[in-house]
Amino acid sequence: MSLVREQKGSNSVTLNGTAVDGDPVGLVNGLGRRLQAGDTFWGFAEEAGVSGDVIKIVPPGQGERVVVQFTAVVTNIGASLYANSTVYTLTSSSNSLVGTILSIDSATTVVVQF
């Protein structure tokens, strides 16, 4: 699960699928869903929902920061972070860009600016 910090604003999106609080959300044909490979990253869910629900998301591009589960090393700071569902990776191939690694929060989490 991702924990949103320093929230500056939020948007709403209608779901076509399920999302859990903290999930990265993708936009497909104007509807949101848990991010899948190749989706346009739309932000992180602030609440859970199922198809047809309108949920709040924290959109990218406002200098927001989020803590996600990802094991990194110091040399990964500044690297782009990609996702497919709730699996994070440094590999761009068929994954969706979600942000940049700002710092290492713990052995298994990083702070990402999106």
PDB file of N, CA and C in Angstrom:
ATOM      1  N   MET A   1       0.837  -1.173   0.000  1.00  0.00           N
ATOM      2  CA  MET A   1       0.000   0.000   0.000  1.00  0.00           C
ATOM      3  C   MET A   1       0.881   1.234   0.000  1.00  0.00           C
ATOM      4  N   SER A   2       0.457   2.256  -0.715  1.00  0.00           N
ATOM      5  CA  SER A   2       1.178   3.512  -0.797  1.00  0.00           C
ATOM      6  C   SER A   2       0.575   4.503   0.180  1.00  0.00           C
ATOM      7  N   LEU A   3       1.391   5.348   0.753  1.00  0.00           N
ATOM      8  CA  LEU A   3       0.934   6.358   1.686  1.00  0.00           C
ATOM      9  C   LEU A   3       1.217   7.732   1.109  1.00  0.00           C
ATOM     10  N   VAL A   4       0.184   8.506   0.863  1.00  0.00           N
ATOM     11  CA  VAL A   4       0.357   9.813   0.247  1.00  0.00           C
ATOM     12  C   VAL A   4       0.800  10.813   1.305  1.00  0.00           C
ATOM     13  N   ARG A   5       1.785  11.632   0.970  1.00  0.00           N
ATOM     14  CA  ARG A   5       2.283  12.688   1.855  1.00  0.00           C
ATOM     15  C   ARG A   5       2.191  14.024   1.134  1.00  0.00           C
ATOM     16  N   GLU A   6       2.151  15.090   1.884  1.00  0.00           N
ATOM     17  CA  GLU A   6       2.202  16.442   1.338  1.00  0.00           C
ATOM     18  C   GLU A   6       1.177  16.657   0.229  1.00  0.00           C
ATOM     19  N   GLN A   7      -0.042  16.208   0.455  1.00  0.00           N
ATOM     20  CA  GLN A   7      -1.087  16.342  -0.556  1.00  0.00           C
ATOM     21  C   GLN A   7      -1.387  17.808  -0.835  1.00  0.00           C
ATOM     22  N   LYS A   8      -1.420  18.161  -2.112  1.00  0.00           N
ATOM     23  CA  LYS A   8      -1.680  19.538  -2.516  1.00  0.00           C
ATOM     24  C   LYS A   8      -3.005  19.692  -3.250  1.00  0.00           C
ATOM     25  N   GLY A   9      -3.595  18.617  -3.717  1.00  0.00           N
ATOM     26  CA  GLY A   9      -4.850  18.704  -4.452  1.00  0.00           C
ATOM     27  C   GLY A   9      -5.330  17.327  -4.842  1.00  0.00           C
ATOM     28  N   SER A  10      -6.576  17.255  -5.294  1.00  0.00           N
ATOM     29  CA  SER A  10      -7.092  15.969  -5.732  1.00  0.00           C
ATOM     30  C   SER A  10      -8.075  16.172  -6.876  1.00  0.00           C
ATOM     31  N   ASN A  11      -8.272  15.124  -7.641  1.00  0.00           N
ATOM     32  CA  ASN A  11      -9.242  15.068  -8.723  1.00  0.00           C
ATOM     33  C   ASN A  11     -10.117  13.851  -8.483  1.00  0.00           C
ATOM     34  N   SER A  12     -11.164  13.720  -9.269  1.00  0.00           N
ATOM     35  CA  SER A  12     -12.024  12.549  -9.187  1.00  0.00           C
ATOM     36  C   SER A  12     -11.998  11.807 -10.508  1.00  0.00           C
ATOM     37  N   VAL A  13     -12.246  10.498 -10.442  1.00  0.00           N
ATOM     38  CA  VAL A  13     -12.318   9.675 -11.640  1.00  0.00           C
ATOM     39  C   VAL A  13     -13.354   8.582 -11.399  1.00  0.00           C
ATOM     40  N   THR A  14     -14.101   8.229 -12.448  1.00  0.00           N
ATOM     41  CA  THR A  14     -15.043   7.115 -12.389  1.00  0.00           C
ATOM     42  C   THR A  14     -14.278   5.836 -12.719  1.00  0.00           C
ATOM     43  N   LEU A  15     -14.472   4.809 -11.901  1.00  0.00           N
ATOM     44  CA  LEU A  15     -13.732   3.562 -12.080  1.00  0.00           C
ATOM     45  C   LEU A  15     -14.396   2.601 -13.053  1.00  0.00           C
ATOM     46  N   ASN A  16     -13.550   1.895 -13.788  1.00  0.00           N
ATOM     47  CA  ASN A  16     -13.948   0.750 -14.590  1.00  0.00           C
ATOM     48  C   ASN A  16     -13.068  -0.397 -14.107  1.00  0.00           C
ATOM     49  N   GLY A  17     -13.363  -0.887 -12.921  1.00  0.00           N
ATOM     50  CA  GLY A  17     -12.542  -1.896 -12.274  1.00  0.00           C
ATOM     51  C   GLY A  17     -12.447  -1.561 -10.795  1.00  0.00           C
ATOM     52  N   THR A  18     -11.504  -2.185 -10.121  1.00  0.00           N
ATOM     53  CA  THR A  18     -11.347  -2.007  -8.685  1.00  0.00           C
ATOM     54  C   THR A  18     -10.069  -1.236  -8.399  1.00  0.00           C
ATOM     55  N   ALA A  19     -10.117  -0.383  -7.391  1.00  0.00           N
ATOM     56  CA  ALA A  19      -8.917   0.315  -6.916  1.00  0.00           C
ATOM     57  C   ALA A  19      -8.951   0.336  -5.393  1.00  0.00           C
ATOM     58  N   VAL A  20      -7.779   0.256  -4.796  1.00  0.00           N
ATOM     59  CA  VAL A  20      -7.623   0.291  -3.347  1.00  0.00           C
ATOM     60  C   VAL A  20      -6.897   1.585  -2.997  1.00  0.00           C
ATOM     61  N   ASP A  21      -7.182   2.133  -1.824  1.00  0.00           N
ATOM     62  CA  ASP A  21      -6.502   3.337  -1.365  1.00  0.00           C
ATOM     63  C   ASP A  21      -4.994   3.169  -1.505  1.00  0.00           C
ATOM     64  N   GLY A  22      -4.362   4.096  -2.194  1.00  0.00           N
ATOM     65  CA  GLY A  22      -2.923   4.040  -2.396  1.00  0.00           C
ATOM     66  C   GLY A  22      -2.493   3.422  -3.704  1.00  0.00           C
ATOM     67  N   ASP A  23      -3.409   2.783  -4.435  1.00  0.00           N
ATOM     68  CA  ASP A  23      -3.070   2.191  -5.728  1.00  0.00           C
ATOM     69  C   ASP A  23      -2.731   3.264  -6.752  1.00  0.00           C
ATOM     70  N   PRO A  24      -1.771   2.972  -7.646  1.00  0.00           N
ATOM     71  CA  PRO A  24      -1.611   3.838  -8.809  1.00  0.00           C
ATOM     72  C   PRO A  24      -2.815   3.610  -9.727  1.00  0.00           C
ATOM     73  N   VAL A  25      -3.347   4.673 -10.299  1.00  0.00           N
ATOM     74  CA  VAL A  25      -4.549   4.587 -11.132  1.00  0.00           C
ATOM     75  C   VAL A  25      -4.191   4.958 -12.573  1.00  0.00           C
ATOM     76  N   GLY A  26      -4.656   4.135 -13.503  1.00  0.00           N
ATOM     77  CA  GLY A  26      -4.473   4.400 -14.926  1.00  0.00           C
ATOM     78  C   GLY A  26      -5.772   4.887 -15.528  1.00  0.00           C
ATOM     79  N   LEU A  27      -5.658   5.637 -16.611  1.00  0.00           N
ATOM     80  CA  LEU A  27      -6.833   6.152 -17.308  1.00  0.00           C
ATOM     81  C   LEU A  27      -6.910   5.507 -18.680  1.00  0.00           C
ATOM     82  N   VAL A  28      -8.063   4.884 -18.967  1.00  0.00           N
ATOM     83  CA  VAL A  28      -8.297   4.229 -20.250  1.00  0.00           C
ATOM     84  C   VAL A  28      -9.692   4.591 -20.718  1.00  0.00           C
ATOM     85  N   ASN A  29      -9.801   5.193 -21.891  1.00  0.00           N
ATOM     86  CA  ASN A  29     -11.092   5.602 -22.447  1.00  0.00           C
ATOM     87  C   ASN A  29     -11.894   6.462 -21.471  1.00  0.00           C
ATOM     88  N   GLY A  30     -11.201   7.324 -20.732  1.00  0.00           N
ATOM     89  CA  GLY A  30     -11.865   8.250 -19.821  1.00  0.00           C
ATOM     90  C   GLY A  30     -12.257   7.675 -18.477  1.00  0.00           C
ATOM     91  N   LEU A  31     -11.951   6.397 -18.240  1.00  0.00           N
ATOM     92  CA  LEU A  31     -12.291   5.753 -16.965  1.00  0.00           C
ATOM     93  C   LEU A  31     -11.025   5.293 -16.255  1.00  0.00           C
ATOM     94  N   GLY A  32     -11.066   5.267 -14.927  1.00  0.00           N
ATOM     95  CA  GLY A  32      -9.917   4.856 -14.137  1.00  0.00           C
ATOM     96  C   GLY A  32      -9.960   3.385 -13.781  1.00  0.00           C
ATOM     97  N   ARG A  33      -8.781   2.843 -13.519  1.00  0.00           N
ATOM     98  CA  ARG A  33      -8.643   1.472 -13.034  1.00  0.00           C
ATOM     99  C   ARG A  33      -7.272   1.347 -12.379  1.00  0.00           C
ATOM    100  N   ARG A  34      -7.081   0.247 -11.603  1.00  0.00           N
ATOM    101  CA  ARG A  34      -5.742  -0.010 -11.064  1.00  0.00           C
ATOM    102  C   ARG A  34      -4.791  -0.045 -12.256  1.00  0.00           C
ATOM    103  N   LEU A  35      -3.704   0.700 -12.162  1.00  0.00           N
ATOM    104  CA  LEU A  35      -2.767   0.862 -13.273  1.00  0.00           C
ATOM    105  C   LEU A  35      -2.344  -0.469 -13.865  1.00  0.00           C
ATOM    106  N   GLN A  36      -2.409  -0.545 -15.183  1.00  0.00           N
ATOM    107  CA  GLN A  36      -1.920  -1.723 -15.901  1.00  0.00           C
ATOM    108  C   GLN A  36      -0.874  -1.256 -16.894  1.00  0.00           C
ATOM    109  N   ALA A  37      -0.018  -2.163 -17.309  1.00  0.00           N
ATOM    110  CA  ALA A  37       1.071  -1.833 -18.224  1.00  0.00           C
ATOM    111  C   ALA A  37       0.542  -1.075 -19.435  1.00  0.00           C
ATOM    112  N   GLY A  38       1.164   0.053 -19.727  1.00  0.00           N
ATOM    113  CA  GLY A  38       0.794   0.840 -20.888  1.00  0.00           C
ATOM    114  C   GLY A  38      -0.292   1.872 -20.649  1.00  0.00           C
ATOM    115  N   ASP A  39      -0.976   1.827 -19.487  1.00  0.00           N
ATOM    116  CA  ASP A  39      -1.990   2.841 -19.175  1.00  0.00           C
ATOM    117  C   ASP A  39      -1.338   4.205 -19.005  1.00  0.00           C
ATOM    118  N   THR A  40      -2.111   5.246 -19.199  1.00  0.00           N
ATOM    119  CA  THR A  40      -1.677   6.587 -18.839  1.00  0.00           C
ATOM    120  C   THR A  40      -1.827   6.724 -17.332  1.00  0.00           C
ATOM    121  N   PHE A  41      -0.727   7.020 -16.639  1.00  0.00           N
ATOM    122  CA  PHE A  41      -0.769   7.189 -15.184  1.00  0.00           C
ATOM    123  C   PHE A  41      -1.578   8.435 -14.861  1.00  0.00           C
ATOM    124  N   TRP A  42      -2.578   8.281 -13.994  1.00  0.00           N
ATOM    125  CA  TRP A  42      -3.500   9.369 -13.672  1.00  0.00           C
ATOM    126  C   TRP A  42      -3.348   9.867 -12.240  1.00  0.00           C
ATOM    127  N   GLY A  43      -2.651   9.099 -11.395  1.00  0.00           N
ATOM    128  CA  GLY A  43      -2.438   9.500 -10.012  1.00  0.00           C
ATOM    129  C   GLY A  43      -2.578   8.320  -9.070  1.00  0.00           C
ATOM    130  N   PHE A  44      -2.612   8.625  -7.770  1.00  0.00           N
ATOM    131  CA  PHE A  44      -2.771   7.592  -6.754  1.00  0.00           C
ATOM    132  C   PHE A  44      -4.145   7.715  -6.105  1.00  0.00           C
ATOM    133  N   ALA A  45      -4.822   6.574  -5.921  1.00  0.00           N
ATOM    134  CA  ALA A  45      -6.153   6.555  -5.317  1.00  0.00           C
ATOM    135  C   ALA A  45      -6.088   7.008  -3.865  1.00  0.00           C
ATOM    136  N   GLU A  46      -7.030   7.864  -3.485  1.00  0.00           N
ATOM    137  CA  GLU A  46      -7.144   8.294  -2.089  1.00  0.00           C
ATOM    138  C   GLU A  46      -8.174   7.468  -1.334  1.00  0.00           C
ATOM    139  N   GLU A  47      -8.905   6.630  -2.071  1.00  0.00           N
ATOM    140  CA  GLU A  47      -9.940   5.807  -1.457  1.00  0.00           C
ATOM    141  C   GLU A  47     -10.173   4.590  -2.335  1.00  0.00           C
ATOM    142  N   ALA A  48     -10.822   3.588  -1.795  1.00  0.00           N
ATOM    143  CA  ALA A  48     -11.116   2.367  -2.534  1.00  0.00           C
ATOM    144  C   ALA A  48     -12.431   2.520  -3.299  1.00  0.00           C
ATOM    145  N   GLY A  49     -12.577   1.715  -4.357  1.00  0.00           N
ATOM    146  CA  GLY A  49     -13.821   1.726  -5.107  1.00  0.00           C
ATOM    147  C   GLY A  49     -13.882   0.573  -6.081  1.00  0.00           C
ATOM    148  N   VAL A  50     -15.088   0.385  -6.641  1.00  0.00           N
ATOM    149  CA  VAL A  50     -15.328  -0.642  -7.651  1.00  0.00           C
ATOM    150  C   VAL A  50     -15.944   0.025  -8.876  1.00  0.00           C
ATOM    151  N   SER A  51     -16.133  -0.739  -9.936  1.00  0.00           N
ATOM    152  CA  SER A  51     -16.674  -0.190 -11.181  1.00  0.00           C
ATOM    153  C   SER A  51     -17.902   0.668 -10.935  1.00  0.00           C
ATOM    154  N   GLY A  52     -17.904   1.865 -11.520  1.00  0.00           N
ATOM    155  CA  GLY A  52     -19.018   2.789 -11.395  1.00  0.00           C
ATOM    156  C   GLY A  52     -18.850   3.807 -10.283  1.00  0.00           C
ATOM    157  N   ASP A  53     -17.982   3.512  -9.302  1.00  0.00           N
ATOM    158  CA  ASP A  53     -17.735   4.458  -8.216  1.00  0.00           C
ATOM    159  C   ASP A  53     -16.909   5.639  -8.723  1.00  0.00           C
ATOM    160  N   VAL A  54     -17.140   6.801  -8.154  1.00  0.00           N
ATOM    161  CA  VAL A  54     -16.301   7.970  -8.397  1.00  0.00           C
ATOM    162  C   VAL A  54     -15.406   8.109  -7.174  1.00  0.00           C
ATOM    163  N   ILE A  55     -14.104   8.039  -7.406  1.00  0.00           N
ATOM    164  CA  ILE A  55     -13.152   8.136  -6.288  1.00  0.00           C
ATOM    165  C   ILE A  55     -12.232   9.338  -6.483  1.00  0.00           C
ATOM    166  N   LYS A  56     -11.654   9.798  -5.375  1.00  0.00           N
ATOM    167  CA  LYS A  56     -10.668  10.873  -5.431  1.00  0.00           C
ATOM    168  C   LYS A  56      -9.290  10.276  -5.681  1.00  0.00           C
ATOM    169  N   ILE A  57      -8.512  10.981  -6.512  1.00  0.00           N
ATOM    170  CA  ILE A  57      -7.128  10.592  -6.749  1.00  0.00           C
ATOM    171  C   ILE A  57      -6.243  11.812  -6.557  1.00  0.00           C
ATOM    172  N   VAL A  58      -5.007  11.573  -6.193  1.00  0.00           N
ATOM    173  CA  VAL A  58      -4.004  12.630  -6.138  1.00  0.00           C
ATOM    174  C   VAL A  58      -3.312  12.614  -7.496  1.00  0.00           C
ATOM    175  N   PRO A  59      -3.480  13.674  -8.307  1.00  0.00           N
ATOM    176  CA  PRO A  59      -2.934  13.676  -9.659  1.00  0.00           C
ATOM    177  C   PRO A  59      -1.441  13.966  -9.686  1.00  0.00           C
ATOM    178  N   PRO A  60      -0.762  13.543 -10.757  1.00  0.00           N
ATOM    179  CA  PRO A  60       0.662  13.842 -10.895  1.00  0.00           C
ATOM    180  C   PRO A  60       0.881  15.295 -11.314  1.00  0.00           C
ATOM    181  N   GLY A  61       2.130  15.715 -11.250  1.00  0.00           N
ATOM    182  CA  GLY A  61       2.496  17.022 -11.779  1.00  0.00           C
ATOM    183  C   GLY A  61       2.372  18.178 -10.814  1.00  0.00           C
ATOM    184  N   GLN A  62       2.076  17.912  -9.560  1.00  0.00           N
ATOM    185  CA  GLN A  62       1.941  18.979  -8.583  1.00  0.00           C
ATOM    186  C   GLN A  62       3.035  18.901  -7.520  1.00  0.00           C
ATOM    187  N   GLY A  63       4.071  18.130  -7.805  1.00  0.00           N
ATOM    188  CA  GLY A  63       5.157  17.989  -6.844  1.00  0.00           C
ATOM    189  C   GLY A  63       4.795  17.143  -5.646  1.00  0.00           C
ATOM    190  N   GLU A  64       3.777  16.292  -5.798  1.00  0.00           N
ATOM    191  CA  GLU A  64       3.350  15.412  -4.703  1.00  0.00           C
ATOM    192  C   GLU A  64       4.424  14.371  -4.424  1.00  0.00           C
ATOM    193  N   ARG A  65       4.378  13.816  -3.221  1.00  0.00           N
ATOM    194  CA  ARG A  65       5.295  12.748  -2.843  1.00  0.00           C
ATOM    195  C   ARG A  65       4.495  11.590  -2.277  1.00  0.00           C
ATOM    196  N   VAL A  66       4.970  10.390  -2.559  1.00  0.00           N
ATOM    197  CA  VAL A  66       4.296   9.190  -2.095  1.00  0.00           C
ATOM    198  C   VAL A  66       5.353   8.172  -1.685  1.00  0.00           C
ATOM    199  N   VAL A  67       5.043   7.365  -0.689  1.00  0.00           N
ATOM    200  CA  VAL A  67       5.938   6.287  -0.271  1.00  0.00           C
ATOM    201  C   VAL A  67       5.397   4.989  -0.859  1.00  0.00           C
ATOM    202  N   VAL A  68       6.241   4.267  -1.603  1.00  0.00           N
ATOM    203  CA  VAL A  68       5.807   3.005  -2.199  1.00  0.00           C
ATOM    204  C   VAL A  68       6.774   1.896  -1.811  1.00  0.00           C
ATOM    205  N   GLN A  69       6.290   0.656  -1.876  1.00  0.00           N
ATOM    206  CA  GLN A  69       7.130  -0.493  -1.570  1.00  0.00           C
ATOM    207  C   GLN A  69       8.005  -0.809  -2.764  1.00  0.00           C
ATOM    208  N   PHE A  70       9.287  -0.562  -2.597  1.00  0.00           N
ATOM    209  CA  PHE A  70      10.264  -0.832  -3.651  1.00  0.00           C
ATOM    210  C   PHE A  70      11.629  -0.846  -2.998  1.00  0.00           C
ATOM    211  N   THR A  71      12.410  -1.883  -3.264  1.00  0.00           N
ATOM    212  CA  THR A  71      13.752  -1.977  -2.712  1.00  0.00           C
ATOM    213  C   THR A  71      14.717  -1.299  -3.674  1.00  0.00           C
ATOM    214  N   ALA A  72      15.434  -0.303  -3.169  1.00  0.00           N
ATOM    215  CA  ALA A  72      16.347   0.468  -4.003  1.00  0.00           C
ATOM    216  C   ALA A  72      17.694   0.620  -3.311  1.00  0.00           C
ATOM    217  N   VAL A  73      18.664   1.073  -4.086  1.00  0.00           N
ATOM    218  CA  VAL A  73      19.980   1.405  -3.552  1.00  0.00           C
ATOM    219  C   VAL A  73      20.218   2.890  -3.809  1.00  0.00           C
ATOM    220  N   VAL A  74      21.206   3.448  -3.155  1.00  0.00           N
ATOM    221  CA  VAL A  74      21.468   4.881  -3.247  1.00  0.00           C
ATOM    222  C   VAL A  74      21.601   5.353  -4.697  1.00  0.00           C
ATOM    223  N   THR A  75      22.191   4.534  -5.548  1.00  0.00           N
ATOM    224  CA  THR A  75      22.366   4.949  -6.946  1.00  0.00           C
ATOM    225  C   THR A  75      21.042   5.042  -7.704  1.00  0.00           C
ATOM    226  N   ASN A  76      19.935   4.545  -7.128  1.00  0.00           N
ATOM    227  CA  ASN A  76      18.623   4.656  -7.771  1.00  0.00           C
ATOM    228  C   ASN A  76      17.968   6.013  -7.533  1.00  0.00           C
ATOM    229  N   ILE A  77      18.496   6.798  -6.601  1.00  0.00           N
ATOM    230  CA  ILE A  77      17.917   8.126  -6.342  1.00  0.00           C
ATOM    231  C   ILE A  77      18.039   8.963  -7.612  1.00  0.00           C
ATOM    232  N   GLY A  78      16.922   9.551  -8.015  1.00  0.00           N
ATOM    233  CA  GLY A  78      16.858  10.323  -9.252  1.00  0.00           C
ATOM    234  C   GLY A  78      16.381   9.520 -10.447  1.00  0.00           C
ATOM    235  N   ALA A  79      16.270   8.199 -10.282  1.00  0.00           N
ATOM    236  CA  ALA A  79      15.826   7.333 -11.383  1.00  0.00           C
ATOM    237  C   ALA A  79      14.311   7.407 -11.558  1.00  0.00           C
ATOM    238  N   SER A  80      13.860   7.167 -12.774  1.00  0.00           N
ATOM    239  CA  SER A  80      12.425   7.076 -13.058  1.00  0.00           C
ATOM    240  C   SER A  80      11.903   5.758 -12.506  1.00  0.00           C
ATOM    241  N   LEU A  81      10.684   5.795 -11.939  1.00  0.00           N
ATOM    242  CA  LEU A  81      10.053   4.596 -11.405  1.00  0.00           C
ATOM    243  C   LEU A  81       8.805   4.299 -12.221  1.00  0.00           C
ATOM    244  N   TYR A  82       8.667   3.061 -12.633  1.00  0.00           N
ATOM    245  CA  TYR A  82       7.558   2.615 -13.461  1.00  0.00           C
ATOM    246  C   TYR A  82       6.711   1.622 -12.673  1.00  0.00           C
ATOM    247  N   ALA A  83       5.475   1.398 -13.131  1.00  0.00           N
ATOM    248  CA  ALA A  83       4.603   0.453 -12.436  1.00  0.00           C
ATOM    249  C   ALA A  83       3.727  -0.303 -13.414  1.00  0.00           C
ATOM    250  N   ASN A  84       3.315  -1.487 -12.978  1.00  0.00           N
ATOM    251  CA  ASN A  84       2.307  -2.309 -13.626  1.00  0.00           C
ATOM    252  C   ASN A  84       1.493  -2.859 -12.467  1.00  0.00           C
ATOM    253  N   SER A  85       0.271  -2.345 -12.303  1.00  0.00           N
ATOM    254  CA  SER A  85      -0.543  -2.628 -11.127  1.00  0.00           C
ATOM    255  C   SER A  85       0.170  -2.034  -9.925  1.00  0.00           C
ATOM    256  N   THR A  86       0.444  -2.813  -8.898  1.00  0.00           N
ATOM    257  CA  THR A  86       1.142  -2.281  -7.725  1.00  0.00           C
ATOM    258  C   THR A  86       2.566  -2.824  -7.643  1.00  0.00           C
ATOM    259  N   VAL A  87       3.093  -3.267  -8.772  1.00  0.00           N
ATOM    260  CA  VAL A  87       4.471  -3.742  -8.847  1.00  0.00           C
ATOM    261  C   VAL A  87       5.313  -2.626  -9.456  1.00  0.00           C
ATOM    262  N   TYR A  88       6.313  -2.175  -8.708  1.00  0.00           N
ATOM    263  CA  TYR A  88       7.160  -1.070  -9.150  1.00  0.00           C
ATOM    264  C   TYR A  88       8.476  -1.601  -9.681  1.00  0.00           C
ATOM    265  N   THR A  89       9.032  -0.895 -10.684  1.00  0.00           N
ATOM    266  CA  THR A  89      10.254  -1.344 -11.343  1.00  0.00           C
ATOM    267  C   THR A  89      11.007  -0.147 -11.925  1.00  0.00           C
ATOM    268  N   LEU A  90      12.263  -0.348 -12.243  1.00  0.00           N
ATOM    269  CA  LEU A  90      13.054   0.658 -12.942  1.00  0.00           C
ATOM    270  C   LEU A  90      12.996   0.439 -14.447  1.00  0.00           C
ATOM    271  N   THR A  91      12.309  -0.616 -14.867  1.00  0.00           N
ATOM    272  CA  THR A  91      12.226  -0.996 -16.275  1.00  0.00           C
ATOM    273  C   THR A  91      11.051  -0.316 -16.958  1.00  0.00           C
ATOM    274  N   SER A  92      11.322   0.404 -18.021  1.00  0.00           N
ATOM    275  CA  SER A  92      10.255   1.128 -18.717  1.00  0.00           C
ATOM    276  C   SER A  92       9.470   0.238 -19.677  1.00  0.00           C
ATOM    277  N   SER A  93      10.061  -0.836 -20.152  1.00  0.00           N
ATOM    278  CA  SER A  93       9.442  -1.693 -21.154  1.00  0.00           C
ATOM    279  C   SER A  93       8.018  -2.093 -20.772  1.00  0.00           C
ATOM    280  N   SER A  94       7.045  -1.593 -21.494  1.00  0.00           N
ATOM    281  CA  SER A  94       5.605  -1.862 -21.355  1.00  0.00           C
ATOM    282  C   SER A  94       5.017  -1.462 -20.009  1.00  0.00           C
ATOM    283  N   ASN A  95       5.769  -0.773 -19.160  1.00  0.00           N
ATOM    284  CA  ASN A  95       5.254  -0.298 -17.883  1.00  0.00           C
ATOM    285  C   ASN A  95       4.919   1.183 -17.980  1.00  0.00           C
ATOM    286  N   SER A  96       4.237   1.717 -16.992  1.00  0.00           N
ATOM    287  CA  SER A  96       3.809   3.113 -16.993  1.00  0.00           C
ATOM    288  C   SER A  96       4.657   3.934 -16.024  1.00  0.00           C
ATOM    289  N   LEU A  97       5.152   5.070 -16.479  1.00  0.00           N
ATOM    290  CA  LEU A  97       5.955   5.957 -15.643  1.00  0.00           C
ATOM    291  C   LEU A  97       5.073   6.560 -14.560  1.00  0.00           C
ATOM    292  N   VAL A  98       5.512   6.439 -13.290  1.00  0.00           N
ATOM    293  CA  VAL A  98       4.739   7.020 -12.189  1.00  0.00           C
ATOM    294  C   VAL A  98       5.479   8.133 -11.459  1.00  0.00           C
ATOM    295  N   GLY A  99       6.793   8.230 -11.625  1.00  0.00           N
ATOM    296  CA  GLY A  99       7.502   9.306 -10.946  1.00  0.00           C
ATOM    297  C   GLY A  99       8.996   9.084 -10.877  1.00  0.00           C
ATOM    298  N   THR A 100       9.637   9.877 -10.009  1.00  0.00           N
ATOM    299  CA  THR A 100      11.083   9.848  -9.827  1.00  0.00           C
ATOM    300  C   THR A 100      11.413   9.530  -8.372  1.00  0.00           C
ATOM    301  N   ILE A 101      12.375   8.642  -8.151  1.00  0.00           N
ATOM    302  CA  ILE A 101      12.784   8.291  -6.793  1.00  0.00           C
ATOM    303  C   ILE A 101      13.542   9.470  -6.180  1.00  0.00           C
ATOM    304  N   LEU A 102      13.004   9.994  -5.068  1.00  0.00           N
ATOM    305  CA  LEU A 102      13.648  11.118  -4.373  1.00  0.00           C
ATOM    306  C   LEU A 102      14.598  10.657  -3.286  1.00  0.00           C
ATOM    307  N   SER A 103      14.174   9.621  -2.550  1.00  0.00           N
ATOM    308  CA  SER A 103      15.006   9.134  -1.450  1.00  0.00           C
ATOM    309  C   SER A 103      14.581   7.726  -1.065  1.00  0.00           C
ATOM    310  N   ILE A 104      15.425   7.099  -0.259  1.00  0.00           N
ATOM    311  CA  ILE A 104      15.118   5.778   0.261  1.00  0.00           C
ATOM    312  C   ILE A 104      14.576   5.980   1.659  1.00  0.00           C
ATOM    313  N   ASP A 105      13.339   5.512   1.891  1.00  0.00           N
ATOM    314  CA  ASP A 105      12.659   5.707   3.166  1.00  0.00           C
ATOM    315  C   ASP A 105      13.021   4.620   4.171  1.00  0.00           C
ATOM    316  N   SER A 106      13.170   3.395   3.683  1.00  0.00           N
ATOM    317  CA  SER A 106      13.549   2.260   4.527  1.00  0.00           C
ATOM    318  C   SER A 106      14.133   1.191   3.612  1.00  0.00           C
ATOM    319  N   ALA A 107      14.399   0.025   4.161  1.00  0.00           N
ATOM    320  CA  ALA A 107      14.971  -1.054   3.358  1.00  0.00           C
ATOM    321  C   ALA A 107      14.039  -1.505   2.238  1.00  0.00           C
ATOM    322  N   THR A 108      12.729  -1.269   2.389  1.00  0.00           N
ATOM    323  CA  THR A 108      11.766  -1.759   1.384  1.00  0.00           C
ATOM    324  C   THR A 108      10.843  -0.677   0.847  1.00  0.00           C
ATOM    325  N   THR A 109      11.095   0.591   1.153  1.00  0.00           N
ATOM    326  CA  THR A 109      10.235   1.667   0.632  1.00  0.00           C
ATOM    327  C   THR A 109      11.067   2.855   0.159  1.00  0.00           C
ATOM    328  N   VAL A 110      10.516   3.542  -0.847  1.00  0.00           N
ATOM    329  CA  VAL A 110      11.169   4.745  -1.372  1.00  0.00           C
ATOM    330  C   VAL A 110      10.149   5.876  -1.428  1.00  0.00           C
ATOM    331  N   VAL A 111      10.648   7.101  -1.419  1.00  0.00           N
ATOM    332  CA  VAL A 111       9.804   8.285  -1.602  1.00  0.00           C
ATOM    333  C   VAL A 111       9.896   8.652  -3.077  1.00  0.00           C
ATOM    334  N   VAL A 112       8.738   8.795  -3.708  1.00  0.00           N
ATOM    335  CA  VAL A 112       8.669   9.088  -5.138  1.00  0.00           C
ATOM    336  C   VAL A 112       7.946  10.418  -5.342  1.00  0.00           C
ATOM    337  N   GLN A 113       8.520  11.276  -6.174  1.00  0.00           N
ATOM    338  CA  GLN A 113       7.818  12.494  -6.576  1.00  0.00           C
ATOM    339  C   GLN A 113       7.127  12.206  -7.890  1.00  0.00           C
ATOM    340  N   PHE A 114       5.850  12.608  -7.947  1.00  0.00           N
ATOM    341  CA  PHE A 114       5.083  12.353  -9.170  1.00  0.00           C
ATOM    342  C   PHE A 114       4.320  13.569  -9.609  1.00  0.00           C
TER     343      PHE A 114
END
